[in-house]
Amino acid sequence: ELSINDLAARMSLSQRKISFVINDRYKMNFFDFINSYRINFAKQQLQNSTLSVKEIMYDSGFGNKSTFNASFKKKTGLSPSDFRQNKS
């Protein structure tokens, strides 16, 4: 569980500054920014490992299957299982 509060404390920056930089540079909010990294990791795992989708979901930092599936589909247009089948 990484929050903007945690990141701000670790970087000795204000939450506002971190939020501004992410919004300005990447045109997304903190939540979407973190999820983009999680989804990219999941995509690599789906292509290069034999781990189950559920294992990949947890390894990617998601704790809920519906959130993982919705986030994955929003970014890729495919469910994790369909992505794995189409990219193999």
N, C-alpha and C. Protein backbone atom coordinates (compact mmCIF):
# COMPACT_ATOMS: atom_id res chain seq x y z
N GLU A 1 0.83 -1.18 0.00
CA GLU A 1 0.00 0.00 0.00
C GLU A 1 0.88 1.24 0.00
N LEU A 2 0.91 1.92 -1.09
CA LEU A 2 1.67 3.16 -1.19
C LEU A 2 0.68 4.30 -1.35
N SER A 3 0.83 5.30 -0.52
CA SER A 3 -0.04 6.47 -0.62
C SER A 3 0.81 7.69 -0.95
N ILE A 4 0.13 8.74 -1.35
CA ILE A 4 0.85 9.98 -1.65
C ILE A 4 1.50 10.52 -0.38
N ASN A 5 0.88 10.26 0.78
CA ASN A 5 1.48 10.68 2.06
C ASN A 5 2.80 9.97 2.29
N ASP A 6 2.82 8.65 2.03
CA ASP A 6 4.06 7.87 2.19
C ASP A 6 5.15 8.38 1.26
N LEU A 7 4.79 8.57 0.01
CA LEU A 7 5.77 9.03 -0.98
C LEU A 7 6.30 10.40 -0.61
N ALA A 8 5.43 11.30 -0.18
CA ALA A 8 5.85 12.64 0.21
C ALA A 8 6.84 12.57 1.38
N ALA A 9 6.53 11.75 2.36
CA ALA A 9 7.42 11.61 3.51
C ALA A 9 8.77 11.03 3.11
N ARG A 10 8.76 10.02 2.26
CA ARG A 10 10.02 9.38 1.83
C ARG A 10 10.88 10.31 0.99
N MET A 11 10.23 11.22 0.25
CA MET A 11 10.97 12.13 -0.63
C MET A 11 11.20 13.50 0.00
N SER A 12 10.72 13.67 1.22
CA SER A 12 10.81 14.95 1.92
C SER A 12 10.24 16.10 1.07
N LEU A 13 9.10 15.82 0.46
CA LEU A 13 8.38 16.82 -0.33
C LEU A 13 6.95 16.89 0.16
N SER A 14 6.29 17.95 -0.19
CA SER A 14 4.88 18.05 0.18
C SER A 14 4.03 17.21 -0.77
N GLN A 15 2.88 16.78 -0.26
CA GLN A 15 1.93 16.04 -1.10
C GLN A 15 1.52 16.89 -2.30
N ARG A 16 1.34 18.15 -2.04
CA ARG A 16 0.92 19.08 -3.10
C ARG A 16 1.94 19.14 -4.23
N LYS A 17 3.23 19.19 -3.89
CA LYS A 17 4.30 19.24 -4.90
C LYS A 17 4.32 17.96 -5.73
N ILE A 18 4.22 16.82 -5.06
CA ILE A 18 4.22 15.54 -5.77
C ILE A 18 3.01 15.46 -6.70
N SER A 19 1.87 15.83 -6.18
CA SER A 19 0.65 15.80 -6.99
C SER A 19 0.77 16.72 -8.20
N PHE A 20 1.31 17.92 -7.99
CA PHE A 20 1.48 18.87 -9.08
C PHE A 20 2.40 18.31 -10.17
N VAL A 21 3.52 17.75 -9.76
CA VAL A 21 4.48 17.21 -10.74
C VAL A 21 3.86 16.07 -11.55
N ILE A 22 3.18 15.16 -10.87
CA ILE A 22 2.55 14.03 -11.58
C ILE A 22 1.48 14.54 -12.54
N ASN A 23 0.65 15.46 -12.06
CA ASN A 23 -0.40 16.01 -12.92
C ASN A 23 0.18 16.78 -14.09
N ASP A 24 1.19 17.60 -13.84
CA ASP A 24 1.78 18.44 -14.88
C ASP A 24 2.58 17.63 -15.90
N ARG A 25 3.39 16.74 -15.41
CA ARG A 25 4.29 16.00 -16.30
C ARG A 25 3.61 14.81 -16.99
N TYR A 26 2.81 14.07 -16.24
CA TYR A 26 2.25 12.83 -16.76
C TYR A 26 0.76 12.91 -17.09
N LYS A 27 0.14 14.04 -16.76
CA LYS A 27 -1.28 14.27 -17.07
C LYS A 27 -2.19 13.21 -16.46
N MET A 28 -1.88 12.81 -15.23
CA MET A 28 -2.72 11.86 -14.52
C MET A 28 -2.61 12.12 -13.03
N ASN A 29 -3.55 11.57 -12.28
CA ASN A 29 -3.48 11.73 -10.82
C ASN A 29 -2.57 10.66 -10.22
N PHE A 30 -2.30 10.79 -8.94
CA PHE A 30 -1.38 9.88 -8.25
C PHE A 30 -1.83 8.43 -8.37
N PHE A 31 -3.12 8.18 -8.14
CA PHE A 31 -3.65 6.83 -8.20
C PHE A 31 -3.43 6.21 -9.58
N ASP A 32 -3.75 6.93 -10.64
CA ASP A 32 -3.55 6.41 -12.00
C ASP A 32 -2.07 6.24 -12.33
N PHE A 33 -1.24 7.14 -11.82
CA PHE A 33 0.21 7.06 -12.03
C PHE A 33 0.77 5.76 -11.44
N ILE A 34 0.41 5.47 -10.20
CA ILE A 34 0.88 4.24 -9.55
C ILE A 34 0.32 3.01 -10.26
N ASN A 35 -0.96 3.06 -10.60
CA ASN A 35 -1.57 1.91 -11.28
C ASN A 35 -0.95 1.66 -12.65
N SER A 36 -0.49 2.69 -13.33
CA SER A 36 0.14 2.48 -14.64
C SER A 36 1.41 1.63 -14.49
N TYR A 37 2.17 1.86 -13.43
CA TYR A 37 3.36 1.03 -13.17
C TYR A 37 2.96 -0.39 -12.80
N ARG A 38 1.91 -0.52 -12.00
CA ARG A 38 1.45 -1.85 -11.61
C ARG A 38 0.97 -2.64 -12.82
N ILE A 39 0.23 -1.99 -13.70
CA ILE A 39 -0.29 -2.66 -14.90
C ILE A 39 0.86 -3.03 -15.84
N ASN A 40 1.83 -2.14 -16.02
CA ASN A 40 2.98 -2.47 -16.87
C ASN A 40 3.74 -3.68 -16.33
N PHE A 41 3.89 -3.75 -15.01
CA PHE A 41 4.53 -4.92 -14.41
C PHE A 41 3.71 -6.17 -14.67
N ALA A 42 2.39 -6.06 -14.49
CA ALA A 42 1.50 -7.20 -14.72
C ALA A 42 1.59 -7.66 -16.18
N LYS A 43 1.63 -6.74 -17.11
CA LYS A 43 1.74 -7.09 -18.53
C LYS A 43 3.00 -7.90 -18.79
N GLN A 44 4.12 -7.46 -18.22
CA GLN A 44 5.38 -8.19 -18.39
C GLN A 44 5.27 -9.60 -17.81
N GLN A 45 4.67 -9.71 -16.64
CA GLN A 45 4.51 -11.01 -16.01
C GLN A 45 3.59 -11.92 -16.81
N LEU A 46 2.52 -11.36 -17.34
CA LEU A 46 1.59 -12.16 -18.15
C LEU A 46 2.26 -12.68 -19.41
N GLN A 47 3.16 -11.93 -19.96
CA GLN A 47 3.86 -12.34 -21.18
C GLN A 47 5.02 -13.28 -20.91
N ASN A 48 5.67 -13.13 -19.77
CA ASN A 48 6.94 -13.82 -19.55
C ASN A 48 6.97 -14.83 -18.42
N SER A 49 5.84 -15.11 -17.81
CA SER A 49 5.85 -16.09 -16.73
C SER A 49 4.65 -17.03 -16.87
N THR A 50 4.70 -18.06 -16.07
CA THR A 50 3.58 -19.01 -16.04
C THR A 50 2.78 -18.85 -14.75
N LEU A 51 3.03 -17.79 -14.00
CA LEU A 51 2.26 -17.53 -12.79
C LEU A 51 0.79 -17.36 -13.14
N SER A 52 -0.07 -17.69 -12.22
CA SER A 52 -1.50 -17.50 -12.44
C SER A 52 -1.82 -16.00 -12.45
N VAL A 53 -2.94 -15.66 -13.04
CA VAL A 53 -3.37 -14.26 -13.07
C VAL A 53 -3.52 -13.75 -11.64
N LYS A 54 -4.02 -14.57 -10.76
CA LYS A 54 -4.21 -14.17 -9.37
C LYS A 54 -2.86 -13.87 -8.70
N GLU A 55 -1.86 -14.71 -8.93
CA GLU A 55 -0.53 -14.45 -8.38
C GLU A 55 0.05 -13.15 -8.93
N ILE A 56 -0.13 -12.94 -10.21
CA ILE A 56 0.36 -11.71 -10.84
C ILE A 56 -0.37 -10.49 -10.28
N MET A 57 -1.66 -10.64 -10.05
CA MET A 57 -2.45 -9.56 -9.46
C MET A 57 -1.83 -9.14 -8.12
N TYR A 58 -1.57 -10.11 -7.25
CA TYR A 58 -0.97 -9.80 -5.94
C TYR A 58 0.45 -9.25 -6.09
N ASP A 59 1.25 -9.86 -6.95
CA ASP A 59 2.63 -9.39 -7.15
C ASP A 59 2.67 -7.97 -7.70
N SER A 60 1.61 -7.57 -8.40
CA SER A 60 1.54 -6.23 -8.98
C SER A 60 1.05 -5.18 -7.99
N GLY A 61 0.64 -5.63 -6.83
CA GLY A 61 0.21 -4.69 -5.81
C GLY A 61 -1.29 -4.50 -5.69
N PHE A 62 -2.05 -5.31 -6.39
CA PHE A 62 -3.50 -5.25 -6.30
C PHE A 62 -3.98 -6.29 -5.30
N GLY A 63 -4.97 -5.93 -4.49
CA GLY A 63 -5.50 -6.86 -3.52
C GLY A 63 -6.92 -7.30 -3.82
N ASN A 64 -7.44 -6.80 -4.93
CA ASN A 64 -8.84 -7.06 -5.27
C ASN A 64 -8.94 -7.38 -6.76
N LYS A 65 -9.54 -8.52 -7.08
CA LYS A 65 -9.61 -8.98 -8.46
C LYS A 65 -10.40 -8.03 -9.35
N SER A 66 -11.51 -7.51 -8.86
CA SER A 66 -12.33 -6.63 -9.71
C SER A 66 -11.60 -5.32 -10.00
N THR A 67 -10.88 -4.79 -9.02
CA THR A 67 -10.10 -3.57 -9.25
C THR A 67 -8.97 -3.83 -10.24
N PHE A 68 -8.30 -4.96 -10.09
CA PHE A 68 -7.23 -5.32 -11.00
C PHE A 68 -7.76 -5.46 -12.42
N ASN A 69 -8.83 -6.22 -12.58
CA ASN A 69 -9.39 -6.42 -13.92
C ASN A 69 -9.84 -5.11 -14.55
N ALA A 70 -10.52 -4.27 -13.77
CA ALA A 70 -11.01 -2.99 -14.30
C ALA A 70 -9.85 -2.07 -14.68
N SER A 71 -8.84 -2.00 -13.83
CA SER A 71 -7.66 -1.15 -14.12
C SER A 71 -6.91 -1.67 -15.34
N PHE A 72 -6.75 -2.98 -15.41
CA PHE A 72 -6.03 -3.58 -16.52
C PHE A 72 -6.76 -3.33 -17.84
N LYS A 73 -8.06 -3.54 -17.82
CA LYS A 73 -8.86 -3.36 -19.03
C LYS A 73 -8.90 -1.90 -19.46
N LYS A 74 -8.93 -0.99 -18.49
CA LYS A 74 -8.94 0.44 -18.80
C LYS A 74 -7.66 0.84 -19.54
N LYS A 75 -6.54 0.27 -19.13
CA LYS A 75 -5.26 0.63 -19.74
C LYS A 75 -4.98 -0.12 -21.04
N THR A 76 -5.41 -1.38 -21.14
CA THR A 76 -5.03 -2.20 -22.29
C THR A 76 -6.18 -2.51 -23.25
N GLY A 77 -7.40 -2.37 -22.77
CA GLY A 77 -8.55 -2.74 -23.58
C GLY A 77 -8.88 -4.23 -23.52
N LEU A 78 -8.11 -4.98 -22.74
CA LEU A 78 -8.30 -6.42 -22.61
C LEU A 78 -8.29 -6.82 -21.14
N SER A 79 -8.94 -7.92 -20.83
CA SER A 79 -8.80 -8.47 -19.48
C SER A 79 -7.39 -9.07 -19.38
N PRO A 80 -6.89 -9.30 -18.17
CA PRO A 80 -5.57 -9.93 -18.05
C PRO A 80 -5.49 -11.28 -18.76
N SER A 81 -6.54 -12.09 -18.66
CA SER A 81 -6.51 -13.41 -19.32
C SER A 81 -6.50 -13.26 -20.84
N ASP A 82 -7.30 -12.35 -21.37
CA ASP A 82 -7.32 -12.12 -22.82
C ASP A 82 -5.97 -11.56 -23.28
N PHE A 83 -5.38 -10.68 -22.48
CA PHE A 83 -4.07 -10.13 -22.83
C PHE A 83 -3.04 -11.24 -22.94
N ARG A 84 -3.05 -12.14 -21.97
CA ARG A 84 -2.10 -13.25 -21.98
C ARG A 84 -2.30 -14.11 -23.22
N GLN A 85 -3.53 -14.43 -23.58
CA GLN A 85 -3.80 -15.25 -24.75
C GLN A 85 -3.41 -14.55 -26.04
N ASN A 86 -3.68 -13.27 -26.15
CA ASN A 86 -3.41 -12.51 -27.37
C ASN A 86 -1.95 -12.15 -27.56
N LYS A 87 -1.18 -12.14 -26.48
CA LYS A 87 0.22 -11.71 -26.56
C LYS A 87 1.20 -12.88 -26.49
N SER A 88 0.69 -14.07 -26.37
CA SER A 88 1.58 -15.24 -26.26
C SER A 88 2.24 -15.58 -27.57
